[in-house]
PDB file of N, CA and C in Angstrom:
ATOM      1  N   UNK A   1     -65.891 -33.921 -64.790  1.00  0.00           N
ATOM      2  CA  UNK A   1     -66.999 -34.106 -63.884  1.00  0.00           C
ATOM      3  C   UNK A   1     -68.285 -33.465 -64.431  1.00  0.00           C
ATOM      4  N   UNK A   2     -68.212 -32.240 -64.967  1.00  0.00           N
ATOM      5  CA  UNK A   2     -69.406 -31.532 -65.437  1.00  0.00           C
ATOM      6  C   UNK A   2     -69.718 -31.803 -66.906  1.00  0.00           C
ATOM      7  N   UNK A   3     -68.744 -32.290 -67.670  1.00  0.00           N
ATOM      8  CA  UNK A   3     -68.929 -32.456 -69.110  1.00  0.00           C
ATOM      9  C   UNK A   3     -70.180 -33.261 -69.469  1.00  0.00           C
ATOM     10  N   UNK A   4     -70.424 -34.428 -68.893  1.00  0.00           N
ATOM     11  CA  UNK A   4     -71.612 -35.195 -69.292  1.00  0.00           C
ATOM     12  C   UNK A   4     -72.926 -34.454 -69.037  1.00  0.00           C
ATOM     13  N   UNK A   5     -72.938 -33.609 -68.035  1.00  0.00           N
ATOM     14  CA  UNK A   5     -74.158 -32.874 -67.721  1.00  0.00           C
ATOM     15  C   UNK A   5     -74.396 -31.728 -68.702  1.00  0.00           C
ATOM     16  N   UNK A   6     -73.352 -30.955 -69.017  1.00  0.00           N
ATOM     17  CA  UNK A   6     -73.520 -29.738 -69.816  1.00  0.00           C
ATOM     18  C   UNK A   6     -73.361 -29.922 -71.321  1.00  0.00           C
ATOM     19  N   UNK A   7     -72.659 -30.936 -71.766  1.00  0.00           N
ATOM     20  CA  UNK A   7     -72.342 -31.057 -73.187  1.00  0.00           C
ATOM     21  C   UNK A   7     -73.563 -31.102 -74.109  1.00  0.00           C
ATOM     22  N   UNK A   8     -74.678 -31.711 -73.735  1.00  0.00           N
ATOM     23  CA  UNK A   8     -75.816 -31.742 -74.660  1.00  0.00           C
ATOM     24  C   UNK A   8     -76.559 -30.409 -74.799  1.00  0.00           C
ATOM     25  N   UNK A   9     -76.201 -29.417 -74.020  1.00  0.00           N
ATOM     26  CA  UNK A   9     -76.975 -28.171 -73.972  1.00  0.00           C
ATOM     27  C   UNK A   9     -76.214 -26.990 -74.559  1.00  0.00           C
ATOM     28  N   UNK A  10     -76.974 -25.981 -74.972  1.00  0.00           N
ATOM     29  CA  UNK A  10     -76.388 -24.710 -75.402  1.00  0.00           C
ATOM     30  C   UNK A  10     -76.092 -23.891 -74.151  1.00  0.00           C
ATOM     31  N   UNK A  11     -74.855 -23.432 -74.008  1.00  0.00           N
ATOM     32  CA  UNK A  11     -74.445 -22.684 -72.823  1.00  0.00           C
ATOM     33  C   UNK A  11     -74.342 -21.204 -73.130  1.00  0.00           C
ATOM     34  N   UNK A  12     -74.848 -20.385 -72.229  1.00  0.00           N
ATOM     35  CA  UNK A  12     -74.636 -18.941 -72.277  1.00  0.00           C
ATOM     36  C   UNK A  12     -73.781 -18.620 -71.065  1.00  0.00           C
ATOM     37  N   UNK A  13     -72.560 -18.192 -71.326  1.00  0.00           N
ATOM     38  CA  UNK A  13     -71.605 -17.919 -70.254  1.00  0.00           C
ATOM     39  C   UNK A  13     -71.454 -16.412 -70.132  1.00  0.00           C
ATOM     40  N   UNK A  14     -71.719 -15.891 -68.933  1.00  0.00           N
ATOM     41  CA  UNK A  14     -71.556 -14.462 -68.665  1.00  0.00           C
ATOM     42  C   UNK A  14     -70.384 -14.328 -67.701  1.00  0.00           C
ATOM     43  N   UNK A  15     -69.293 -13.788 -68.213  1.00  0.00           N
ATOM     44  CA  UNK A  15     -68.075 -13.624 -67.425  1.00  0.00           C
ATOM     45  C   UNK A  15     -68.191 -12.387 -66.556  1.00  0.00           C
ATOM     46  N   UNK A  16     -68.108 -12.585 -65.252  1.00  0.00           N
ATOM     47  CA  UNK A  16     -68.072 -11.418 -64.375  1.00  0.00           C
ATOM     48  C   UNK A  16     -66.612 -11.049 -64.128  1.00  0.00           C
ATOM     49  N   UNK A  17     -66.392  -9.897 -63.567  1.00  0.00           N
ATOM     50  CA  UNK A  17     -65.021  -9.474 -63.293  1.00  0.00           C
ATOM     51  C   UNK A  17     -64.347  -8.833 -64.489  1.00  0.00           C
ATOM     52  N   UNK A  18     -63.044  -8.940 -64.529  1.00  0.00           N
ATOM     53  CA  UNK A  18     -62.194  -8.278 -65.521  1.00  0.00           C
ATOM     54  C   UNK A  18     -62.428  -8.846 -66.925  1.00  0.00           C
ATOM     55  N   UNK A  19     -62.955  -8.043 -67.864  1.00  0.00           N
ATOM     56  CA  UNK A  19     -63.228  -8.555 -69.205  1.00  0.00           C
ATOM     57  C   UNK A  19     -61.969  -8.818 -70.031  1.00  0.00           C
ATOM     58  N   UNK A  20     -60.800  -8.356 -69.559  1.00  0.00           N
ATOM     59  CA  UNK A  20     -59.575  -8.608 -70.317  1.00  0.00           C
ATOM     60  C   UNK A  20     -59.023 -10.011 -70.051  1.00  0.00           C
ATOM     61  N   UNK A  21     -59.526 -10.679 -69.022  1.00  0.00           N
ATOM     62  CA  UNK A  21     -59.094 -12.055 -68.747  1.00  0.00           C
ATOM     63  C   UNK A  21     -59.785 -13.001 -69.722  1.00  0.00           C
ATOM     64  N   UNK A  22     -59.035 -13.980 -70.187  1.00  0.00           N
ATOM     65  CA  UNK A  22     -59.553 -14.926 -71.166  1.00  0.00           C
ATOM     66  C   UNK A  22     -60.180 -16.129 -70.476  1.00  0.00           C
ATOM     67  N   UNK A  23     -61.384 -16.447 -70.883  1.00  0.00           N
ATOM     68  CA  UNK A  23     -62.075 -17.636 -70.396  1.00  0.00           C
ATOM     69  C   UNK A  23     -61.825 -18.744 -71.417  1.00  0.00           C
ATOM     70  N   UNK A  24     -61.369 -19.880 -70.959  1.00  0.00           N
ATOM     71  CA  UNK A  24     -61.125 -21.012 -71.853  1.00  0.00           C
ATOM     72  C   UNK A  24     -62.232 -22.044 -71.649  1.00  0.00           C
ATOM     73  N   UNK A  25     -63.006 -22.243 -72.693  1.00  0.00           N
ATOM     74  CA  UNK A  25     -64.071 -23.244 -72.666  1.00  0.00           C
ATOM     75  C   UNK A  25     -63.556 -24.456 -73.440  1.00  0.00           C
ATOM     76  N   UNK A  26     -63.587 -25.631 -72.836  1.00  0.00           N
ATOM     77  CA  UNK A  26     -63.092 -26.825 -73.529  1.00  0.00           C
ATOM     78  C   UNK A  26     -63.847 -27.083 -74.830  1.00  0.00           C
ATOM     79  N   UNK A  27     -63.186 -27.758 -75.752  1.00  0.00           N
ATOM     80  CA  UNK A  27     -63.815 -28.109 -77.026  1.00  0.00           C
ATOM     81  C   UNK A  27     -65.013 -29.024 -76.792  1.00  0.00           C
ATOM     82  N   UNK A  28     -65.953 -28.956 -77.732  1.00  0.00           N
ATOM     83  CA  UNK A  28     -67.098 -29.849 -77.682  1.00  0.00           C
ATOM     84  C   UNK A  28     -68.350 -29.248 -77.077  1.00  0.00           C
ATOM     85  N   UNK A  29     -68.285 -27.975 -76.689  1.00  0.00           N
ATOM     86  CA  UNK A  29     -69.456 -27.321 -76.105  1.00  0.00           C
ATOM     87  C   UNK A  29     -70.028 -26.302 -77.076  1.00  0.00           C
ATOM     88  N   UNK A  30     -71.345 -26.238 -77.130  1.00  0.00           N
ATOM     89  CA  UNK A  30     -72.059 -25.226 -77.903  1.00  0.00           C
ATOM     90  C   UNK A  30     -72.324 -24.068 -76.943  1.00  0.00           C
ATOM     91  N   UNK A  31     -71.670 -22.925 -77.160  1.00  0.00           N
ATOM     92  CA  UNK A  31     -71.790 -21.844 -76.174  1.00  0.00           C
ATOM     93  C   UNK A  31     -71.676 -20.461 -76.804  1.00  0.00           C
ATOM     94  N   UNK A  32     -72.168 -19.480 -76.053  1.00  0.00           N
ATOM     95  CA  UNK A  32     -71.958 -18.056 -76.320  1.00  0.00           C
ATOM     96  C   UNK A  32     -71.280 -17.505 -75.075  1.00  0.00           C
ATOM     97  N   UNK A  33     -70.270 -16.670 -75.249  1.00  0.00           N
ATOM     98  CA  UNK A  33     -69.543 -16.095 -74.122  1.00  0.00           C
ATOM     99  C   UNK A  33     -69.687 -14.580 -74.166  1.00  0.00           C
ATOM    100  N   UNK A  34     -70.129 -14.004 -73.063  1.00  0.00           N
ATOM    101  CA  UNK A  34     -70.307 -12.558 -72.951  1.00  0.00           C
ATOM    102  C   UNK A  34     -69.516 -12.046 -71.757  1.00  0.00           C
ATOM    103  N   UNK A  35     -68.991 -10.814 -71.895  1.00  0.00           N
ATOM    104  CA  UNK A  35     -68.360 -10.137 -70.759  1.00  0.00           C
ATOM    105  C   UNK A  35     -68.891  -8.707 -70.699  1.00  0.00           C
ATOM    106  N   UNK A  36     -68.342  -7.937 -69.793  1.00  0.00           N
ATOM    107  CA  UNK A  36     -68.838  -6.555 -69.594  1.00  0.00           C
ATOM    108  C   UNK A  36     -68.793  -5.745 -70.882  1.00  0.00           C
ATOM    109  N   UNK A  37     -67.744  -5.892 -71.673  1.00  0.00           N
ATOM    110  CA  UNK A  37     -67.641  -5.134 -72.924  1.00  0.00           C
ATOM    111  C   UNK A  37     -68.778  -5.488 -73.887  1.00  0.00           C
ATOM    112  N   UNK A  38     -69.119  -6.764 -73.966  1.00  0.00           N
ATOM    113  CA  UNK A  38     -70.228  -7.190 -74.834  1.00  0.00           C
ATOM    114  C   UNK A  38     -71.552  -6.606 -74.362  1.00  0.00           C
ATOM    115  N   UNK A  39     -71.757  -6.629 -73.058  1.00  0.00           N
ATOM    116  CA  UNK A  39     -72.999  -6.092 -72.493  1.00  0.00           C
ATOM    117  C   UNK A  39     -73.108  -4.598 -72.768  1.00  0.00           C
ATOM    118  N   UNK A  40     -72.003  -3.872 -72.604  1.00  0.00           N
ATOM    119  CA  UNK A  40     -71.999  -2.435 -72.914  1.00  0.00           C
ATOM    120  C   UNK A  40     -72.318  -2.197 -74.386  1.00  0.00           C
ATOM    121  N   UNK A  41     -71.739  -3.015 -75.267  1.00  0.00           N
ATOM    122  CA  UNK A  41     -71.953  -2.858 -76.705  1.00  0.00           C
ATOM    123  C   UNK A  41     -73.404  -3.173 -77.078  1.00  0.00           C
ATOM    124  N   UNK A  42     -73.959  -4.227 -76.513  1.00  0.00           N
ATOM    125  CA  UNK A  42     -75.309  -4.665 -76.872  1.00  0.00           C
ATOM    126  C   UNK A  42     -76.385  -3.769 -76.264  1.00  0.00           C
ATOM    127  N   UNK A  43     -76.222  -3.399 -75.007  1.00  0.00           N
ATOM    128  CA  UNK A  43     -77.260  -2.613 -74.321  1.00  0.00           C
ATOM    129  C   UNK A  43     -77.044  -1.111 -74.390  1.00  0.00           C
ATOM    130  N   UNK A  44     -75.832  -0.683 -74.733  1.00  0.00           N
ATOM    131  CA  UNK A  44     -75.553   0.754 -74.797  1.00  0.00           C
ATOM    132  C   UNK A  44     -75.768   1.426 -73.456  1.00  0.00           C
ATOM    133  N   UNK A  45     -76.430   2.595 -73.434  1.00  0.00           N
ATOM    134  CA  UNK A  45     -76.619   3.334 -72.188  1.00  0.00           C
ATOM    135  C   UNK A  45     -77.412   2.564 -71.125  1.00  0.00           C
ATOM    136  N   UNK A  46     -78.175   1.578 -71.543  1.00  0.00           N
ATOM    137  CA  UNK A  46     -78.976   0.813 -70.582  1.00  0.00           C
ATOM    138  C   UNK A  46     -78.162  -0.274 -69.876  1.00  0.00           C
ATOM    139  N   UNK A  47     -76.897  -0.434 -70.239  1.00  0.00           N
ATOM    140  CA  UNK A  47     -76.081  -1.504 -69.661  1.00  0.00           C
ATOM    141  C   UNK A  47     -75.839  -1.327 -68.171  1.00  0.00           C
ATOM    142  N   UNK A  48     -76.011  -0.126 -67.663  1.00  0.00           N
ATOM    143  CA  UNK A  48     -75.783   0.107 -66.230  1.00  0.00           C
ATOM    144  C   UNK A  48     -76.802  -0.631 -65.359  1.00  0.00           C
ATOM    145  N   UNK A  49     -77.883  -1.116 -65.960  1.00  0.00           N
ATOM    146  CA  UNK A  49     -78.875  -1.864 -65.172  1.00  0.00           C
ATOM    147  C   UNK A  49     -78.370  -3.258 -64.805  1.00  0.00           C
ATOM    148  N   UNK A  50     -77.284  -3.716 -65.424  1.00  0.00           N
ATOM    149  CA  UNK A  50     -76.696  -5.021 -65.119  1.00  0.00           C
ATOM    150  C   UNK A  50     -75.482  -4.797 -64.229  1.00  0.00           C
ATOM    151  N   UNK A  51     -75.627  -5.096 -62.960  1.00  0.00           N
ATOM    152  CA  UNK A  51     -74.535  -4.924 -61.998  1.00  0.00           C
ATOM    153  C   UNK A  51     -73.542  -6.072 -62.116  1.00  0.00           C
ATOM    154  N   UNK A  52     -72.266  -5.771 -61.972  1.00  0.00           N
ATOM    155  CA  UNK A  52     -71.241  -6.805 -61.957  1.00  0.00           C
ATOM    156  C   UNK A  52     -70.627  -6.933 -60.573  1.00  0.00           C
ATOM    157  N   UNK A  53     -71.275  -6.370 -59.572  1.00  0.00           N
ATOM    158  CA  UNK A  53     -70.762  -6.446 -58.207  1.00  0.00           C
ATOM    159  C   UNK A  53     -71.296  -7.671 -57.468  1.00  0.00           C
ATOM    160  N   UNK A  54     -72.255  -8.351 -58.044  1.00  0.00           N
ATOM    161  CA  UNK A  54     -72.822  -9.544 -57.421  1.00  0.00           C
ATOM    162  C   UNK A  54     -73.312 -10.474 -58.522  1.00  0.00           C
ATOM    163  N   UNK A  55     -74.175 -11.369 -58.200  1.00  0.00           N
ATOM    164  CA  UNK A  55     -74.641 -12.347 -59.187  1.00  0.00           C
ATOM    165  C   UNK A  55     -75.616 -11.767 -60.211  1.00  0.00           C
ATOM    166  N   UNK A  56     -75.859 -10.478 -60.172  1.00  0.00           N
ATOM    167  CA  UNK A  56     -76.827  -9.859 -61.086  1.00  0.00           C
ATOM    168  C   UNK A  56     -76.408  -9.949 -62.548  1.00  0.00           C
ATOM    169  N   UNK A  57     -75.128 -10.164 -62.825  1.00  0.00           N
ATOM    170  CA  UNK A  57     -74.698 -10.246 -64.223  1.00  0.00           C
ATOM    171  C   UNK A  57     -75.361 -11.417 -64.944  1.00  0.00           C
ATOM    172  N   UNK A  58     -75.833 -12.420 -64.197  1.00  0.00           N
ATOM    173  CA  UNK A  58     -76.521 -13.540 -64.846  1.00  0.00           C
ATOM    174  C   UNK A  58     -77.836 -13.083 -65.475  1.00  0.00           C
ATOM    175  N   UNK A  59     -78.358 -11.928 -65.069  1.00  0.00           N
ATOM    176  CA  UNK A  59     -79.584 -11.397 -65.674  1.00  0.00           C
ATOM    177  C   UNK A  59     -79.409 -11.206 -67.172  1.00  0.00           C
ATOM    178  N   UNK A  60     -78.205 -10.860 -67.599  1.00  0.00           N
ATOM    179  CA  UNK A  60     -77.950 -10.697 -69.023  1.00  0.00           C
ATOM    180  C   UNK A  60     -78.128 -12.034 -69.743  1.00  0.00           C
ATOM    181  N   UNK A  61     -77.684 -13.100 -69.124  1.00  0.00           N
ATOM    182  CA  UNK A  61     -77.887 -14.426 -69.705  1.00  0.00           C
ATOM    183  C   UNK A  61     -79.356 -14.756 -69.873  1.00  0.00           C
ATOM    184  N   UNK A  62     -80.161 -14.382 -68.880  1.00  0.00           N
ATOM    185  CA  UNK A  62     -81.611 -14.582 -68.995  1.00  0.00           C
ATOM    186  C   UNK A  62     -82.158 -13.787 -70.179  1.00  0.00           C
ATOM    187  N   UNK A  63     -81.647 -12.593 -70.348  1.00  0.00           N
ATOM    188  CA  UNK A  63     -82.148 -11.706 -71.389  1.00  0.00           C
ATOM    189  C   UNK A  63     -81.845 -12.241 -72.790  1.00  0.00           C
ATOM    190  N   UNK A  64     -80.645 -12.774 -73.004  1.00  0.00           N
ATOM    191  CA  UNK A  64     -80.273 -13.211 -74.352  1.00  0.00           C
ATOM    192  C   UNK A  64     -80.711 -14.639 -74.665  1.00  0.00           C
ATOM    193  N   UNK A  65     -81.121 -15.387 -73.660  1.00  0.00           N
ATOM    194  CA  UNK A  65     -81.536 -16.771 -73.895  1.00  0.00           C
ATOM    195  C   UNK A  65     -82.846 -16.821 -74.672  1.00  0.00           C
ATOM    196  N   UNK A  66     -82.917 -17.785 -75.547  1.00  0.00           N
ATOM    197  CA  UNK A  66     -84.143 -18.019 -76.312  1.00  0.00           C
ATOM    198  C   UNK A  66     -84.741 -19.383 -75.954  1.00  0.00           C
ATOM    199  N   UNK A  67     -84.264 -19.956 -74.888  1.00  0.00           N
ATOM    200  CA  UNK A  67     -84.686 -21.299 -74.484  1.00  0.00           C
ATOM    201  C   UNK A  67     -85.834 -21.248 -73.480  1.00  0.00           C
ATOM    202  N   UNK A  68     -86.559 -22.344 -73.396  1.00  0.00           N
ATOM    203  CA  UNK A  68     -87.694 -22.439 -72.482  1.00  0.00           C
ATOM    204  C   UNK A  68     -87.234 -22.606 -71.036  1.00  0.00           C
ATOM    205  N   UNK A  69     -86.161 -23.353 -70.840  1.00  0.00           N
ATOM    206  CA  UNK A  69     -85.657 -23.618 -69.495  1.00  0.00           C
ATOM    207  C   UNK A  69     -84.253 -23.061 -69.348  1.00  0.00           C
ATOM    208  N   UNK A  70     -83.966 -22.521 -68.174  1.00  0.00           N
ATOM    209  CA  UNK A  70     -82.650 -21.937 -67.888  1.00  0.00           C
ATOM    210  C   UNK A  70     -82.145 -22.522 -66.578  1.00  0.00           C
ATOM    211  N   UNK A  71     -80.895 -22.945 -66.580  1.00  0.00           N
ATOM    212  CA  UNK A  71     -80.234 -23.454 -65.384  1.00  0.00           C
ATOM    213  C   UNK A  71     -79.028 -22.567 -65.138  1.00  0.00           C
ATOM    214  N   UNK A  72     -78.841 -22.118 -63.923  1.00  0.00           N
ATOM    215  CA  UNK A  72     -77.692 -21.258 -63.641  1.00  0.00           C
ATOM    216  C   UNK A  72     -76.721 -21.963 -62.710  1.00  0.00           C
ATOM    217  N   UNK A  73     -75.457 -21.621 -62.892  1.00  0.00           N
ATOM    218  CA  UNK A  73     -74.400 -22.133 -62.030  1.00  0.00           C
ATOM    219  C   UNK A  73     -73.336 -21.050 -61.933  1.00  0.00           C
ATOM    220  N   UNK A  74     -72.677 -20.979 -60.810  1.00  0.00           N
ATOM    221  CA  UNK A  74     -71.630 -19.983 -60.602  1.00  0.00           C
ATOM    222  C   UNK A  74     -70.270 -20.663 -60.682  1.00  0.00           C
ATOM    223  N   UNK A  75     -69.225 -19.870 -60.892  1.00  0.00           N
ATOM    224  CA  UNK A  75     -67.886 -20.436 -61.060  1.00  0.00           C
ATOM    225  C   UNK A  75     -67.343 -21.109 -59.804  1.00  0.00           C
ATOM    226  N   UNK A  76     -67.942 -20.870 -58.661  1.00  0.00           N
ATOM    227  CA  UNK A  76     -67.461 -21.517 -57.441  1.00  0.00           C
ATOM    228  C   UNK A  76     -68.374 -22.662 -56.985  1.00  0.00           C
ATOM    229  N   UNK A  77     -69.194 -23.162 -57.898  1.00  0.00           N
ATOM    230  CA  UNK A  77     -70.061 -24.308 -57.591  1.00  0.00           C
ATOM    231  C   UNK A  77     -69.349 -25.592 -58.010  1.00  0.00           C
ATOM    232  N   UNK A  78     -68.746 -26.251 -57.066  1.00  0.00           N
ATOM    233  CA  UNK A  78     -68.096 -27.539 -57.362  1.00  0.00           C
ATOM    234  C   UNK A  78     -68.002 -28.377 -56.129  1.00  0.00           C
TER     235      UNK A  78
END
């Protein structure tokens, strides 16, 4: 259902919740996947500014994006 919409674009996926869980992205997508461990590694002591208790974790996606336009979607949007 979503493949035709997302496949032409570069995806930045920010996994909220347990970083030990594996996210499976189907083949054919151009994407970067980040979780809490990546954010801690990249931001160091400043990583606490990105909350994982709500939708604020998408702020990290905004930060790492180099694109002019950003579209966000949550895992329960279907």
